[in-house]
Amino acid sequence: MKTPSVSRFRKGFTLIELLVVIAIIAVLAAAGFAGGTAALNKARKVSAQAAATSVATAIDQFYTEYSSLPTGTETPVATNSAAGVRILNILAGIETAPIENERKVRFLSLKEAKSGNRDGVVYNSAGNQITGLFDPWGLPYYIVMDANYDERLAISPGNSITAVNLNGRRAAVYSLGVKNTGDANASTLVKTW
């Protein structure tokens, strides 16, 4: 007489199989995170480049309209300082006295910053004056203008970044961005030259 064979089916995974699956998921997540971080940094740099170029273009348009530059110096002016904020308000056509943009032409139009003063223009509580312009990393931009009208700019963005002399320029805008993790002295320089 034959006895029926009882086939045993496993009901689940062994500990080894579970550990292998978890390890594979961890490796894939790490690879995806690294790729996602690189893409996010690239997007931030593109956004910063667009804002810096908009400010430099607005200064050139102001010069074309009025045959002069907004009040400024040849030293870098941060866009969160009083002088930098004044330049931004002039370019946006919303400055207070003394008025330099008499026709109230809006040469500069940028998106409003996200929470925490990041990636855009910050307005006062009334919403009628700019109080700063920040890059995607939450740092100000720097504006350098040709205040003596010789169309030459000498720019030294920072200790680890080589100084440059620009000819034929009325303005240059840059952001130091975030420090690179691999080199403590290097940063994500975004520039209009």
Protein backbone atom coordinates (compact mmCIF):
# COMPACT_ATOMS: atom_id res chain seq x y z
CA MET A 1 0.00 0.00 0.00
CA LYS A 2 1.20 3.40 -0.87
CA THR A 3 1.15 6.18 1.57
CA PRO A 4 0.30 9.56 0.16
CA SER A 5 3.32 11.77 0.01
CA VAL A 6 2.93 14.97 1.81
CA SER A 7 4.64 17.75 -0.02
CA ARG A 8 5.93 20.48 2.17
CA PHE A 9 5.67 23.95 0.76
CA ARG A 10 7.63 26.71 2.38
CA LYS A 11 5.48 29.48 3.69
CA GLY A 12 7.83 32.46 3.67
CA PHE A 13 11.42 33.41 3.15
CA THR A 14 14.47 32.31 4.99
CA LEU A 15 16.49 34.82 6.94
CA ILE A 16 19.26 34.70 4.32
CA GLU A 17 16.85 35.49 1.51
CA LEU A 18 15.42 38.45 3.41
CA LEU A 19 18.90 39.81 4.14
CA VAL A 20 19.88 39.53 0.47
CA VAL A 21 16.75 41.41 -0.63
CA ILE A 22 17.34 44.13 1.98
CA ALA A 23 20.98 44.49 0.86
CA ILE A 24 19.92 44.83 -2.80
CA ILE A 25 17.34 47.47 -1.90
CA ALA A 26 19.92 49.39 0.16
CA VAL A 27 22.41 49.41 -2.74
CA LEU A 28 19.76 50.60 -5.20
CA ALA A 29 18.56 53.31 -2.80
CA ALA A 30 22.11 54.57 -2.27
CA ALA A 31 22.71 54.75 -6.03
CA GLY A 32 19.40 56.56 -6.56
CA PHE A 33 20.10 59.01 -3.75
CA ALA A 34 23.52 59.91 -5.16
CA GLY A 35 22.03 60.46 -8.61
CA GLY A 36 19.14 62.45 -7.18
CA THR A 37 21.47 64.69 -5.18
CA ALA A 38 23.59 65.40 -8.26
CA ALA A 39 20.48 66.26 -10.28
CA LEU A 40 19.20 68.53 -7.49
CA ASN A 41 22.52 70.40 -7.31
CA LYS A 42 22.54 70.80 -11.09
CA ALA A 43 19.00 72.24 -10.97
CA ARG A 44 20.03 74.67 -8.21
CA LYS A 45 23.01 75.83 -10.25
CA VAL A 46 20.82 76.40 -13.32
CA SER A 47 18.32 78.40 -11.24
CA ALA A 48 21.13 80.51 -9.72
CA GLN A 49 22.62 81.11 -13.18
CA ALA A 50 19.26 82.31 -14.51
CA ALA A 51 18.80 84.78 -11.64
CA ALA A 52 22.36 86.12 -11.91
CA THR A 53 21.98 86.58 -15.67
CA SER A 54 18.64 88.36 -15.15
CA VAL A 55 20.24 90.90 -12.80
CA ALA A 56 23.18 91.54 -15.16
CA THR A 57 20.81 91.92 -18.12
CA ALA A 58 18.58 94.31 -16.13
CA ILE A 59 21.61 96.50 -15.37
CA ASP A 60 22.51 96.58 -19.08
CA GLN A 61 18.91 97.48 -19.97
CA PHE A 62 18.91 100.24 -17.35
CA TYR A 63 22.08 101.62 -18.93
CA THR A 64 20.50 101.48 -22.39
CA GLU A 65 17.41 103.35 -21.13
CA TYR A 66 19.10 106.01 -18.99
CA SER A 67 22.73 106.13 -20.30
CA SER A 68 23.92 105.58 -16.74
CA LEU A 69 24.16 102.78 -14.23
CA PRO A 70 22.20 102.54 -11.00
CA THR A 71 24.12 104.02 -8.08
CA GLY A 72 26.85 101.58 -7.11
CA THR A 73 30.54 100.99 -6.68
CA GLU A 74 33.12 98.77 -8.34
CA THR A 75 33.38 96.69 -5.20
CA PRO A 76 31.04 93.69 -4.86
CA VAL A 77 27.69 94.57 -3.32
CA ALA A 78 25.69 91.77 -1.68
CA THR A 79 22.02 91.55 -2.63
CA ASN A 80 21.04 91.44 1.03
CA SER A 81 22.91 94.66 1.94
CA ALA A 82 21.34 98.13 1.87
CA ALA A 83 23.25 99.07 -1.32
CA GLY A 84 22.36 95.80 -3.04
CA VAL A 85 18.70 96.04 -2.09
CA ARG A 86 18.61 99.61 -3.43
CA ILE A 87 19.99 98.43 -6.79
CA LEU A 88 17.37 95.65 -6.95
CA ASN A 89 14.53 98.08 -6.17
CA ILE A 90 15.80 100.51 -8.82
CA LEU A 91 15.89 97.73 -11.41
CA ALA A 92 12.42 96.55 -10.39
CA GLY A 93 11.07 100.10 -10.75
CA ILE A 94 9.91 100.26 -7.12
CA GLU A 95 12.65 102.29 -5.41
CA THR A 96 11.99 105.06 -2.94
CA ALA A 97 13.60 108.51 -3.03
CA PRO A 98 15.94 109.47 -4.53
CA ILE A 99 14.42 108.10 -7.72
CA GLU A 100 16.83 106.88 -10.41
CA ASN A 101 14.34 104.89 -12.48
CA GLU A 102 12.09 107.88 -13.19
CA ARG A 103 9.96 106.07 -15.75
CA LYS A 104 9.37 103.15 -13.32
CA VAL A 105 10.45 100.65 -15.99
CA ARG A 106 10.54 97.11 -14.63
CA PHE A 107 13.91 95.88 -15.86
CA LEU A 108 14.07 93.08 -13.29
CA SER A 109 11.41 90.50 -12.57
CA LEU A 110 12.40 87.45 -10.53
CA LYS A 111 10.44 84.78 -8.72
CA GLU A 112 9.68 85.19 -5.06
CA ALA A 113 11.91 83.30 -2.65
CA LYS A 114 10.88 80.04 -1.08
CA SER A 115 10.59 79.82 2.68
CA GLY A 116 13.83 80.49 4.47
CA ASN A 117 15.12 83.11 1.99
CA ARG A 118 16.09 80.64 -0.72
CA ASP A 119 16.07 80.88 -4.49
CA GLY A 120 14.49 84.23 -5.23
CA VAL A 121 13.49 87.73 -4.18
CA VAL A 122 12.31 88.52 -0.64
CA TYR A 123 9.81 91.35 -0.18
CA ASN A 124 8.91 93.39 2.89
CA SER A 125 5.70 92.63 4.79
CA ALA A 126 3.73 95.10 2.65
CA GLY A 127 5.03 93.41 -0.50
CA ASN A 128 6.04 96.69 -2.13
CA GLN A 129 9.83 96.70 -1.59
CA ILE A 130 12.53 94.10 -2.15
CA THR A 131 14.56 93.29 0.96
CA GLY A 132 16.97 90.78 -0.58
CA LEU A 133 17.80 88.33 -3.36
CA PHE A 134 19.12 84.89 -2.48
CA ASP A 135 20.48 81.93 -4.41
CA PRO A 136 19.09 78.38 -4.06
CA TRP A 137 21.51 77.73 -1.20
CA GLY A 138 20.20 80.71 0.79
CA LEU A 139 23.19 82.99 0.15
CA PRO A 140 23.18 86.44 -1.46
CA TYR A 141 24.37 87.24 -4.94
CA TYR A 142 27.09 89.85 -5.48
CA ILE A 143 26.81 92.68 -8.00
CA VAL A 144 29.85 94.47 -9.41
CA MET A 145 29.24 97.49 -11.65
CA ASP A 146 31.49 99.67 -13.77
CA ALA A 147 31.01 102.80 -11.64
CA ASN A 148 33.76 104.77 -13.41
CA TYR A 149 32.45 103.83 -16.89
CA ASP A 150 35.75 102.50 -18.29
CA GLU A 151 34.13 99.13 -19.19
CA ARG A 152 36.63 97.20 -17.09
CA LEU A 153 35.80 95.19 -14.02
CA ALA A 154 38.22 93.53 -11.61
CA ILE A 155 36.49 90.74 -9.73
CA SER A 156 37.85 88.63 -6.89
CA PRO A 157 34.99 86.39 -5.74
CA GLY A 158 36.80 84.65 -2.88
CA ASN A 159 40.00 83.27 -1.45
CA SER A 160 39.98 80.03 -3.44
CA ILE A 161 38.66 81.51 -6.69
CA THR A 162 40.99 83.16 -9.15
CA ALA A 163 40.46 86.89 -9.66
CA VAL A 164 39.42 87.95 -13.16
CA ASN A 165 39.55 91.16 -15.16
CA LEU A 166 36.60 91.68 -17.48
CA ASN A 167 36.75 94.09 -20.39
CA GLY A 168 33.74 95.51 -22.19
CA ARG A 169 31.37 94.84 -19.28
CA ARG A 170 29.10 97.17 -17.36
CA ALA A 171 28.15 94.65 -14.70
CA ALA A 172 28.89 91.19 -13.41
CA VAL A 173 26.86 89.14 -10.96
CA TYR A 174 27.94 86.05 -9.09
CA SER A 175 27.02 83.72 -6.27
CA LEU A 176 29.48 81.72 -4.21
CA GLY A 177 26.89 79.01 -3.64
CA VAL A 178 27.49 76.15 -1.26
CA LYS A 179 30.93 74.82 -0.36
CA ASN A 180 31.89 71.65 -2.20
CA THR A 181 32.16 68.73 0.17
CA GLY A 182 35.37 67.38 -1.38
CA ASP A 183 37.36 70.60 -1.08
CA ALA A 184 36.79 72.89 1.89
CA ASN A 185 38.11 75.90 -0.05
CA ALA A 186 36.07 75.39 -3.23
CA SER A 187 32.49 76.47 -3.75
CA THR A 188 29.78 76.31 -6.39
CA LEU A 189 30.59 79.58 -8.17
CA VAL A 190 27.76 80.79 -10.40
CA LYS A 191 28.81 83.73 -12.54
CA THR A 192 27.75 85.84 -15.50
CA TRP A 193 31.13 85.98 -17.21
